[in-house]
Amino acid sequence: MLYVIMAYDAPNSAEPRRTAHAAHMAHLDKIEAAGDKIVLAGPCLAKDSPDRQIAGFFGSLIIAEFDSLAAAQEWSDTDPFVTAGVFEKVIVKPFRQVIPKP
């Protein structure tokens, strides 16, 4: 089943985000290594600009396949962005894709 993970950055999280980025990307790779798939993932920009240095971030969004809500929550809880304090709030919920048709 698909799950949406919506994470909101903590104040002053730019430096922890830079420091934990490589570990966060490796953690994302674990989803597909487990045989599941990532539908989409990426940072949410704080301002309307294609230049991320200008835009900054307010959080991240991931839609991915997991065996269960508990598995999605466990993956989220162990994300280096969570453990490094990049995110102050993370919501994990089931998701049903309608468009584009799966």
PDB file of N, CA and C in Angstrom:
ATOM      1  N   MET A   1       0.847  -1.182   0.000  1.00  0.00           N
ATOM      2  CA  MET A   1       0.000   0.000   0.000  1.00  0.00           C
ATOM      3  C   MET A   1       0.890   1.242   0.000  1.00  0.00           C
ATOM      4  N   LEU A   2       0.336   2.330  -0.519  1.00  0.00           N
ATOM      5  CA  LEU A   2       1.073   3.588  -0.527  1.00  0.00           C
ATOM      6  C   LEU A   2       0.819   4.373   0.750  1.00  0.00           C
ATOM      7  N   TYR A   3       1.851   5.124   1.139  1.00  0.00           N
ATOM      8  CA  TYR A   3       1.765   5.980   2.324  1.00  0.00           C
ATOM      9  C   TYR A   3       2.387   7.320   1.974  1.00  0.00           C
ATOM     10  N   VAL A   4       1.798   8.387   2.521  1.00  0.00           N
ATOM     11  CA  VAL A   4       2.354   9.720   2.364  1.00  0.00           C
ATOM     12  C   VAL A   4       3.059  10.077   3.673  1.00  0.00           C
ATOM     13  N   ILE A   5       4.247  10.602   3.519  1.00  0.00           N
ATOM     14  CA  ILE A   5       5.019  11.083   4.670  1.00  0.00           C
ATOM     15  C   ILE A   5       5.247  12.567   4.426  1.00  0.00           C
ATOM     16  N   MET A   6       4.615  13.390   5.260  1.00  0.00           N
ATOM     17  CA  MET A   6       4.748  14.845   5.151  1.00  0.00           C
ATOM     18  C   MET A   6       5.509  15.320   6.376  1.00  0.00           C
ATOM     19  N   ALA A   7       6.657  15.909   6.115  1.00  0.00           N
ATOM     20  CA  ALA A   7       7.530  16.347   7.209  1.00  0.00           C
ATOM     21  C   ALA A   7       7.704  17.855   7.154  1.00  0.00           C
ATOM     22  N   TYR A   8       7.686  18.470   8.317  1.00  0.00           N
ATOM     23  CA  TYR A   8       7.826  19.920   8.438  1.00  0.00           C
ATOM     24  C   TYR A   8       9.138  20.241   9.143  1.00  0.00           C
ATOM     25  N   ASP A   9       9.922  21.125   8.550  1.00  0.00           N
ATOM     26  CA  ASP A   9      11.224  21.475   9.105  1.00  0.00           C
ATOM     27  C   ASP A   9      11.109  22.203  10.440  1.00  0.00           C
ATOM     28  N   ALA A  10      12.079  21.934  11.292  1.00  0.00           N
ATOM     29  CA  ALA A  10      12.230  22.670  12.543  1.00  0.00           C
ATOM     30  C   ALA A  10      12.865  24.027  12.225  1.00  0.00           C
ATOM     31  N   PRO A  11      12.694  25.010  13.088  1.00  0.00           N
ATOM     32  CA  PRO A  11      13.389  26.287  12.884  1.00  0.00           C
ATOM     33  C   PRO A  11      14.905  26.065  12.849  1.00  0.00           C
ATOM     34  N   ASN A  12      15.573  26.838  12.023  1.00  0.00           N
ATOM     35  CA  ASN A  12      17.038  26.793  11.925  1.00  0.00           C
ATOM     36  C   ASN A  12      17.560  25.398  11.573  1.00  0.00           C
ATOM     37  N   SER A  13      16.878  24.729  10.633  1.00  0.00           N
ATOM     38  CA  SER A  13      17.265  23.364  10.284  1.00  0.00           C
ATOM     39  C   SER A  13      18.144  23.270   9.040  1.00  0.00           C
ATOM     40  N   ALA A  14      18.551  24.396   8.478  1.00  0.00           N
ATOM     41  CA  ALA A  14      19.340  24.363   7.245  1.00  0.00           C
ATOM     42  C   ALA A  14      20.657  23.608   7.433  1.00  0.00           C
ATOM     43  N   GLU A  15      21.378  23.889   8.499  1.00  0.00           N
ATOM     44  CA  GLU A  15      22.667  23.215   8.710  1.00  0.00           C
ATOM     45  C   GLU A  15      22.493  21.731   9.023  1.00  0.00           C
ATOM     46  N   PRO A  16      21.589  21.336   9.924  1.00  0.00           N
ATOM     47  CA  PRO A  16      21.374  19.897  10.120  1.00  0.00           C
ATOM     48  C   PRO A  16      20.908  19.197   8.844  1.00  0.00           C
ATOM     49  N   ARG A  17      20.138  19.893   8.012  1.00  0.00           N
ATOM     50  CA  ARG A  17      19.694  19.305   6.738  1.00  0.00           C
ATOM     51  C   ARG A  17      20.900  19.021   5.848  1.00  0.00           C
ATOM     52  N   ARG A  18      21.820  19.980   5.749  1.00  0.00           N
ATOM     53  CA  ARG A  18      23.022  19.770   4.926  1.00  0.00           C
ATOM     54  C   ARG A  18      23.861  18.627   5.483  1.00  0.00           C
ATOM     55  N   THR A  19      24.033  18.596   6.782  1.00  0.00           N
ATOM     56  CA  THR A  19      24.875  17.586   7.423  1.00  0.00           C
ATOM     57  C   THR A  19      24.305  16.177   7.262  1.00  0.00           C
ATOM     58  N   ALA A  20      22.988  16.030   7.371  1.00  0.00           N
ATOM     59  CA  ALA A  20      22.357  14.703   7.338  1.00  0.00           C
ATOM     60  C   ALA A  20      21.884  14.288   5.945  1.00  0.00           C
ATOM     61  N   HIS A  21      22.092  15.125   4.935  1.00  0.00           N
ATOM     62  CA  HIS A  21      21.532  14.864   3.605  1.00  0.00           C
ATOM     63  C   HIS A  21      21.983  13.525   3.020  1.00  0.00           C
ATOM     64  N   ALA A  22      23.256  13.227   3.035  1.00  0.00           N
ATOM     65  CA  ALA A  22      23.740  11.974   2.440  1.00  0.00           C
ATOM     66  C   ALA A  22      23.138  10.759   3.148  1.00  0.00           C
ATOM     67  N   ALA A  23      23.066  10.812   4.463  1.00  0.00           N
ATOM     68  CA  ALA A  23      22.475   9.699   5.220  1.00  0.00           C
ATOM     69  C   ALA A  23      20.980   9.586   4.929  1.00  0.00           C
ATOM     70  N   HIS A  24      20.298  10.716   4.771  1.00  0.00           N
ATOM     71  CA  HIS A  24      18.872  10.719   4.430  1.00  0.00           C
ATOM     72  C   HIS A  24      18.657  10.066   3.064  1.00  0.00           C
ATOM     73  N   MET A  25      19.496  10.403   2.086  1.00  0.00           N
ATOM     74  CA  MET A  25      19.367   9.817   0.745  1.00  0.00           C
ATOM     75  C   MET A  25      19.628   8.307   0.788  1.00  0.00           C
ATOM     76  N   ALA A  26      20.595   7.879   1.569  1.00  0.00           N
ATOM     77  CA  ALA A  26      20.860   6.443   1.720  1.00  0.00           C
ATOM     78  C   ALA A  26      19.674   5.744   2.372  1.00  0.00           C
ATOM     79  N   HIS A  27      19.028   6.425   3.310  1.00  0.00           N
ATOM     80  CA  HIS A  27      17.847   5.867   3.977  1.00  0.00           C
ATOM     81  C   HIS A  27      16.701   5.710   2.976  1.00  0.00           C
ATOM     82  N   LEU A  28      16.544   6.663   2.059  1.00  0.00           N
ATOM     83  CA  LEU A  28      15.534   6.550   1.006  1.00  0.00           C
ATOM     84  C   LEU A  28      15.806   5.330   0.128  1.00  0.00           C
ATOM     85  N   ASP A  29      17.075   5.050  -0.151  1.00  0.00           N
ATOM     86  CA  ASP A  29      17.432   3.891  -0.971  1.00  0.00           C
ATOM     87  C   ASP A  29      16.968   2.584  -0.343  1.00  0.00           C
ATOM     88  N   LYS A  30      16.833   2.545   0.978  1.00  0.00           N
ATOM     89  CA  LYS A  30      16.399   1.328   1.669  1.00  0.00           C
ATOM     90  C   LYS A  30      14.981   0.924   1.280  1.00  0.00           C
ATOM     91  N   ILE A  31      14.160   1.878   0.872  1.00  0.00           N
ATOM     92  CA  ILE A  31      12.776   1.568   0.478  1.00  0.00           C
ATOM     93  C   ILE A  31      12.797   0.642  -0.742  1.00  0.00           C
ATOM     94  N   GLU A  32      13.514   1.050  -1.765  1.00  0.00           N
ATOM     95  CA  GLU A  32      13.555   0.237  -2.977  1.00  0.00           C
ATOM     96  C   GLU A  32      14.394  -1.021  -2.790  1.00  0.00           C
ATOM     97  N   ALA A  33      15.387  -0.975  -1.930  1.00  0.00           N
ATOM     98  CA  ALA A  33      16.180  -2.173  -1.637  1.00  0.00           C
ATOM     99  C   ALA A  33      15.324  -3.246  -0.972  1.00  0.00           C
ATOM    100  N   ALA A  34      14.268  -2.817  -0.270  1.00  0.00           N
ATOM    101  CA  ALA A  34      13.354  -3.754   0.389  1.00  0.00           C
ATOM    102  C   ALA A  34      12.300  -4.284  -0.584  1.00  0.00           C
ATOM    103  N   GLY A  35      12.347  -3.852  -1.842  1.00  0.00           N
ATOM    104  CA  GLY A  35      11.397  -4.320  -2.834  1.00  0.00           C
ATOM    105  C   GLY A  35      10.174  -3.445  -2.985  1.00  0.00           C
ATOM    106  N   ASP A  36      10.132  -2.335  -2.291  1.00  0.00           N
ATOM    107  CA  ASP A  36       9.024  -1.400  -2.409  1.00  0.00           C
ATOM    108  C   ASP A  36       9.403  -0.311  -3.410  1.00  0.00           C
ATOM    109  N   LYS A  37       8.550   0.676  -3.590  1.00  0.00           N
ATOM    110  CA  LYS A  37       8.872   1.727  -4.559  1.00  0.00           C
ATOM    111  C   LYS A  37       8.563   3.104  -3.992  1.00  0.00           C
ATOM    112  N   ILE A  38       9.282   4.064  -4.503  1.00  0.00           N
ATOM    113  CA  ILE A  38       9.018   5.465  -4.193  1.00  0.00           C
ATOM    114  C   ILE A  38       8.259   6.037  -5.385  1.00  0.00           C
ATOM    115  N   VAL A  39       7.073   6.572  -5.136  1.00  0.00           N
ATOM    116  CA  VAL A  39       6.285   7.194  -6.197  1.00  0.00           C
ATOM    117  C   VAL A  39       6.843   8.577  -6.487  1.00  0.00           C
ATOM    118  N   LEU A  40       7.097   9.336  -5.424  1.00  0.00           N
ATOM    119  CA  LEU A  40       7.756  10.632  -5.557  1.00  0.00           C
ATOM    120  C   LEU A  40       8.301  11.047  -4.202  1.00  0.00           C
ATOM    121  N   ALA A  41       9.307  11.868  -4.249  1.00  0.00           N
ATOM    122  CA  ALA A  41       9.923  12.354  -3.013  1.00  0.00           C
ATOM    123  C   ALA A  41      10.687  13.629  -3.324  1.00  0.00           C
ATOM    124  N   GLY A  42      10.694  14.536  -2.357  1.00  0.00           N
ATOM    125  CA  GLY A  42      11.476  15.740  -2.544  1.00  0.00           C
ATOM    126  C   GLY A  42      11.179  16.785  -1.494  1.00  0.00           C
ATOM    127  N   PRO A  43      12.009  17.821  -1.483  1.00  0.00           N
ATOM    128  CA  PRO A  43      11.817  18.903  -0.518  1.00  0.00           C
ATOM    129  C   PRO A  43      10.683  19.827  -0.957  1.00  0.00           C
ATOM    130  N   CYS A  44      10.030  20.416   0.011  1.00  0.00           N
ATOM    131  CA  CYS A  44       9.002  21.434  -0.240  1.00  0.00           C
ATOM    132  C   CYS A  44       9.662  22.793  -0.056  1.00  0.00           C
ATOM    133  N   LEU A  45       9.575  23.616  -1.079  1.00  0.00           N
ATOM    134  CA  LEU A  45      10.260  24.904  -1.065  1.00  0.00           C
ATOM    135  C   LEU A  45       9.465  25.946  -0.294  1.00  0.00           C
ATOM    136  N   ALA A  46      10.174  26.787   0.421  1.00  0.00           N
ATOM    137  CA  ALA A  46       9.545  27.825   1.238  1.00  0.00           C
ATOM    138  C   ALA A  46       9.112  29.032   0.409  1.00  0.00           C
ATOM    139  N   LYS A  47       9.778  29.233  -0.732  1.00  0.00           N
ATOM    140  CA  LYS A  47       9.456  30.370  -1.598  1.00  0.00           C
ATOM    141  C   LYS A  47       9.344  29.887  -3.031  1.00  0.00           C
ATOM    142  N   ASP A  48       8.655  30.640  -3.854  1.00  0.00           N
ATOM    143  CA  ASP A  48       8.440  30.300  -5.253  1.00  0.00           C
ATOM    144  C   ASP A  48       9.667  30.678  -6.075  1.00  0.00           C
ATOM    145  N   SER A  49      10.659  29.789  -6.079  1.00  0.00           N
ATOM    146  CA  SER A  49      11.880  30.019  -6.843  1.00  0.00           C
ATOM    147  C   SER A  49      12.487  28.675  -7.210  1.00  0.00           C
ATOM    148  N   PRO A  50      12.938  28.517  -8.458  1.00  0.00           N
ATOM    149  CA  PRO A  50      13.587  27.261  -8.829  1.00  0.00           C
ATOM    150  C   PRO A  50      14.977  27.103  -8.199  1.00  0.00           C
ATOM    151  N   ASP A  51      15.533  28.187  -7.686  1.00  0.00           N
ATOM    152  CA  ASP A  51      16.844  28.156  -7.047  1.00  0.00           C
ATOM    153  C   ASP A  51      16.667  27.808  -5.568  1.00  0.00           C
ATOM    154  N   ARG A  52      17.045  26.594  -5.186  1.00  0.00           N
ATOM    155  CA  ARG A  52      16.801  26.158  -3.808  1.00  0.00           C
ATOM    156  C   ARG A  52      17.573  26.976  -2.782  1.00  0.00           C
ATOM    157  N   GLN A  53      18.656  27.608  -3.183  1.00  0.00           N
ATOM    158  CA  GLN A  53      19.397  28.448  -2.251  1.00  0.00           C
ATOM    159  C   GLN A  53      18.589  29.692  -1.890  1.00  0.00           C
ATOM    160  N   ILE A  54      17.812  30.179  -2.834  1.00  0.00           N
ATOM    161  CA  ILE A  54      16.947  31.329  -2.581  1.00  0.00           C
ATOM    162  C   ILE A  54      15.652  30.876  -1.914  1.00  0.00           C
ATOM    163  N   ALA A  55      15.093  29.762  -2.397  1.00  0.00           N
ATOM    164  CA  ALA A  55      13.785  29.297  -1.944  1.00  0.00           C
ATOM    165  C   ALA A  55      13.808  28.812  -0.498  1.00  0.00           C
ATOM    166  N   GLY A  56      14.835  28.086  -0.121  1.00  0.00           N
ATOM    167  CA  GLY A  56      14.854  27.470   1.195  1.00  0.00           C
ATOM    168  C   GLY A  56      13.806  26.369   1.258  1.00  0.00           C
ATOM    169  N   PHE A  57      13.656  25.751   2.397  1.00  0.00           N
ATOM    170  CA  PHE A  57      12.739  24.627   2.543  1.00  0.00           C
ATOM    171  C   PHE A  57      11.808  24.833   3.727  1.00  0.00           C
ATOM    172  N   PHE A  58      10.617  24.238   3.641  1.00  0.00           N
ATOM    173  CA  PHE A  58       9.757  24.199   4.813  1.00  0.00           C
ATOM    174  C   PHE A  58       9.467  22.763   5.228  1.00  0.00           C
ATOM    175  N   GLY A  59       9.906  21.796   4.418  1.00  0.00           N
ATOM    176  CA  GLY A  59       9.686  20.399   4.759  1.00  0.00           C
ATOM    177  C   GLY A  59       9.975  19.495   3.585  1.00  0.00           C
ATOM    178  N   SER A  60       9.449  18.278   3.659  1.00  0.00           N
ATOM    179  CA  SER A  60       9.643  17.288   2.607  1.00  0.00           C
ATOM    180  C   SER A  60       8.389  16.446   2.464  1.00  0.00           C
ATOM    181  N   LEU A  61       8.220  15.883   1.265  1.00  0.00           N
ATOM    182  CA  LEU A  61       7.088  15.019   0.974  1.00  0.00           C
ATOM    183  C   LEU A  61       7.612  13.739   0.343  1.00  0.00           C
ATOM    184  N   ILE A  62       7.118  12.616   0.832  1.00  0.00           N
ATOM    185  CA  ILE A  62       7.447  11.313   0.258  1.00  0.00           C
ATOM    186  C   ILE A  62       6.148  10.547   0.099  1.00  0.00           C
ATOM    187  N   ILE A  63       5.945   9.966  -1.056  1.00  0.00           N
ATOM    188  CA  ILE A  63       4.874   8.998  -1.252  1.00  0.00           C
ATOM    189  C   ILE A  63       5.566   7.720  -1.678  1.00  0.00           C
ATOM    190  N   ALA A  64       5.402   6.680  -0.863  1.00  0.00           N
ATOM    191  CA  ALA A  64       6.115   5.435  -1.112  1.00  0.00           C
ATOM    192  C   ALA A  64       5.279   4.237  -0.689  1.00  0.00           C
ATOM    193  N   GLU A  65       5.669   3.107  -1.220  1.00  0.00           N
ATOM    194  CA  GLU A  65       5.006   1.847  -0.908  1.00  0.00           C
ATOM    195  C   GLU A  65       5.695   1.210   0.303  1.00  0.00           C
ATOM    196  N   PHE A  66       4.893   0.746   1.237  1.00  0.00           N
ATOM    197  CA  PHE A  66       5.387  -0.005   2.394  1.00  0.00           C
ATOM    198  C   PHE A  66       4.427  -1.163   2.638  1.00  0.00           C
ATOM    199  N   ASP A  67       4.858  -2.151   3.395  1.00  0.00           N
ATOM    200  CA  ASP A  67       4.001  -3.296   3.712  1.00  0.00           C
ATOM    201  C   ASP A  67       2.844  -2.916   4.626  1.00  0.00           C
ATOM    202  N   SER A  68       3.039  -1.888   5.446  1.00  0.00           N
ATOM    203  CA  SER A  68       2.019  -1.510   6.422  1.00  0.00           C
ATOM    204  C   SER A  68       2.270  -0.094   6.914  1.00  0.00           C
ATOM    205  N   LEU A  69       1.285   0.460   7.592  1.00  0.00           N
ATOM    206  CA  LEU A  69       1.449   1.767   8.224  1.00  0.00           C
ATOM    207  C   LEU A  69       2.562   1.702   9.265  1.00  0.00           C
ATOM    208  N   ALA A  70       2.639   0.606  10.002  1.00  0.00           N
ATOM    209  CA  ALA A  70       3.691   0.458  11.011  1.00  0.00           C
ATOM    210  C   ALA A  70       5.075   0.478  10.361  1.00  0.00           C
ATOM    211  N   ALA A  71       5.218  -0.155   9.200  1.00  0.00           N
ATOM    212  CA  ALA A  71       6.514  -0.161   8.496  1.00  0.00           C
ATOM    213  C   ALA A  71       6.861   1.238   7.990  1.00  0.00           C
ATOM    214  N   ALA A  72       5.865   1.958   7.479  1.00  0.00           N
ATOM    215  CA  ALA A  72       6.099   3.330   7.017  1.00  0.00           C
ATOM    216  C   ALA A  72       6.495   4.225   8.181  1.00  0.00           C
ATOM    217  N   GLN A  73       5.819   4.070   9.312  1.00  0.00           N
ATOM    218  CA  GLN A  73       6.128   4.865  10.500  1.00  0.00           C
ATOM    219  C   GLN A  73       7.523   4.546  11.019  1.00  0.00           C
ATOM    220  N   GLU A  74       7.887   3.273  11.029  1.00  0.00           N
ATOM    221  CA  GLU A  74       9.229   2.876  11.492  1.00  0.00           C
ATOM    222  C   GLU A  74      10.306   3.458  10.588  1.00  0.00           C
ATOM    223  N   TRP A  75      10.078   3.402   9.266  1.00  0.00           N
ATOM    224  CA  TRP A  75      11.048   3.977   8.336  1.00  0.00           C
ATOM    225  C   TRP A  75      11.180   5.469   8.620  1.00  0.00           C
ATOM    226  N   SER A  76      10.056   6.149   8.782  1.00  0.00           N
ATOM    227  CA  SER A  76      10.070   7.584   9.043  1.00  0.00           C
ATOM    228  C   SER A  76      10.785   7.912  10.356  1.00  0.00           C
ATOM    229  N   ASP A  77      10.489   7.150  11.397  1.00  0.00           N
ATOM    230  CA  ASP A  77      11.082   7.414  12.713  1.00  0.00           C
ATOM    231  C   ASP A  77      12.602   7.271  12.714  1.00  0.00           C
ATOM    232  N   THR A  78      13.130   6.459  11.794  1.00  0.00           N
ATOM    233  CA  THR A  78      14.576   6.224  11.744  1.00  0.00           C
ATOM    234  C   THR A  78      15.270   7.023  10.640  1.00  0.00           C
ATOM    235  N   ASP A  79      14.527   7.883   9.968  1.00  0.00           N
ATOM    236  CA  ASP A  79      15.106   8.745   8.936  1.00  0.00           C
ATOM    237  C   ASP A  79      16.134   9.679   9.586  1.00  0.00           C
ATOM    238  N   PRO A  80      17.341   9.768   9.027  1.00  0.00           N
ATOM    239  CA  PRO A  80      18.350  10.675   9.586  1.00  0.00           C
ATOM    240  C   PRO A  80      17.896  12.125   9.701  1.00  0.00           C
ATOM    241  N   PHE A  81      16.980  12.582   8.857  1.00  0.00           N
ATOM    242  CA  PHE A  81      16.465  13.940   9.015  1.00  0.00           C
ATOM    243  C   PHE A  81      15.645  14.060  10.302  1.00  0.00           C
ATOM    244  N   VAL A  82      15.004  12.990  10.715  1.00  0.00           N
ATOM    245  CA  VAL A  82      14.264  12.994  11.979  1.00  0.00           C
ATOM    246  C   VAL A  82      15.236  12.949  13.144  1.00  0.00           C
ATOM    247  N   THR A  83      16.180  12.004  13.099  1.00  0.00           N
ATOM    248  CA  THR A  83      17.096  11.836  14.223  1.00  0.00           C
ATOM    249  C   THR A  83      18.066  13.005  14.367  1.00  0.00           C
ATOM    250  N   ALA A  84      18.326  13.738  13.266  1.00  0.00           N
ATOM    251  CA  ALA A  84      19.220  14.908  13.328  1.00  0.00           C
ATOM    252  C   ALA A  84      18.482  16.188  13.703  1.00  0.00           C
ATOM    253  N   GLY A  85      17.152  16.106  13.844  1.00  0.00           N
ATOM    254  CA  GLY A  85      16.392  17.284  14.234  1.00  0.00           C
ATOM    255  C   GLY A  85      16.016  18.212  13.101  1.00  0.00           C
ATOM    256  N   VAL A  86      16.133  17.744  11.847  1.00  0.00           N
ATOM    257  CA  VAL A  86      15.729  18.572  10.714  1.00  0.00           C
ATOM    258  C   VAL A  86      14.220  18.799  10.751  1.00  0.00           C
ATOM    259  N   PHE A  87      13.480  17.732  11.040  1.00  0.00           N
ATOM    260  CA  PHE A  87      12.022  17.816  11.062  1.00  0.00           C
ATOM    261  C   PHE A  87      11.513  17.993  12.486  1.00  0.00           C
ATOM    262  N   GLU A  88      10.547  18.912  12.651  1.00  0.00           N
ATOM    263  CA  GLU A  88       9.916  19.072  13.958  1.00  0.00           C
ATOM    264  C   GLU A  88       8.584  18.328  14.033  1.00  0.00           C
ATOM    265  N   LYS A  89       8.005  18.020  12.872  1.00  0.00           N
ATOM    266  CA  LYS A  89       6.735  17.303  12.842  1.00  0.00           C
ATOM    267  C   LYS A  89       6.695  16.437  11.590  1.00  0.00           C
ATOM    268  N   VAL A  90       6.258  15.183  11.756  1.00  0.00           N
ATOM    269  CA  VAL A  90       6.140  14.269  10.628  1.00  0.00           C
ATOM    270  C   VAL A  90       4.788  13.562  10.721  1.00  0.00           C
ATOM    271  N   ILE A  91       4.069  13.561   9.619  1.00  0.00           N
ATOM    272  CA  ILE A  91       2.774  12.887   9.542  1.00  0.00           C
ATOM    273  C   ILE A  91       2.907  11.737   8.552  1.00  0.00           C
ATOM    274  N   VAL A  92       2.482  10.542   8.955  1.00  0.00           N
ATOM    275  CA  VAL A  92       2.514   9.360   8.095  1.00  0.00           C
ATOM    276  C   VAL A  92       1.081   8.831   8.004  1.00  0.00           C
ATOM    277  N   LYS A  93       0.561   8.764   6.782  1.00  0.00           N
ATOM    278  CA  LYS A  93      -0.827   8.330   6.579  1.00  0.00           C
ATOM    279  C   LYS A  93      -0.932   7.459   5.321  1.00  0.00           C
ATOM    280  N   PRO A  94      -1.922   6.561   5.282  1.00  0.00           N
ATOM    281  CA  PRO A  94      -2.174   5.803   4.057  1.00  0.00           C
ATOM    282  C   PRO A  94      -2.571   6.753   2.918  1.00  0.00           C
ATOM    283  N   PHE A  95      -2.246   6.344   1.695  1.00  0.00           N
ATOM    284  CA  PHE A  95      -2.500   7.192   0.523  1.00  0.00           C
ATOM    285  C   PHE A  95      -3.034   6.321  -0.602  1.00  0.00           C
ATOM    286  N   ARG A  96      -4.032   6.829  -1.304  1.00  0.00           N
ATOM    287  CA  ARG A  96      -4.579   6.119  -2.457  1.00  0.00           C
ATOM    288  C   ARG A  96      -4.342   6.957  -3.703  1.00  0.00           C
ATOM    289  N   GLN A  97      -3.550   6.435  -4.619  1.00  0.00           N
ATOM    290  CA  GLN A  97      -3.250   7.139  -5.857  1.00  0.00           C
ATOM    291  C   GLN A  97      -4.433   7.005  -6.828  1.00  0.00           C
ATOM    292  N   VAL A  98      -4.897   8.141  -7.352  1.00  0.00           N
ATOM    293  CA  VAL A  98      -5.978   8.161  -8.323  1.00  0.00           C
ATOM    294  C   VAL A  98      -5.469   8.624  -9.683  1.00  0.00           C
ATOM    295  N   ILE A  99      -4.653   9.694  -9.680  1.00  0.00           N
ATOM    296  CA  ILE A  99      -4.096  10.261 -10.901  1.00  0.00           C
ATOM    297  C   ILE A  99      -2.603  10.446 -10.732  1.00  0.00           C
ATOM    298  N   PRO A 100      -1.765  10.032 -11.669  1.00  0.00           N
ATOM    299  CA  PRO A 100      -2.147   9.192 -12.789  1.00  0.00           C
ATOM    300  C   PRO A 100      -2.536   7.808 -12.305  1.00  0.00           C
ATOM    301  N   LYS A 101      -3.328   7.129 -13.114  1.00  0.00           N
ATOM    302  CA  LYS A 101      -3.791   5.803 -12.724  1.00  0.00           C
ATOM    303  C   LYS A 101      -2.589   4.883 -12.544  1.00  0.00           C
ATOM    304  N   PRO A 102      -2.579   4.161 -11.423  1.00  0.00           N
ATOM    305  CA  PRO A 102      -1.435   3.254 -11.185  1.00  0.00           C
ATOM    306  C   PRO A 102      -1.399   2.089 -12.156  1.00  0.00           C
TER     307      PRO A 102
END
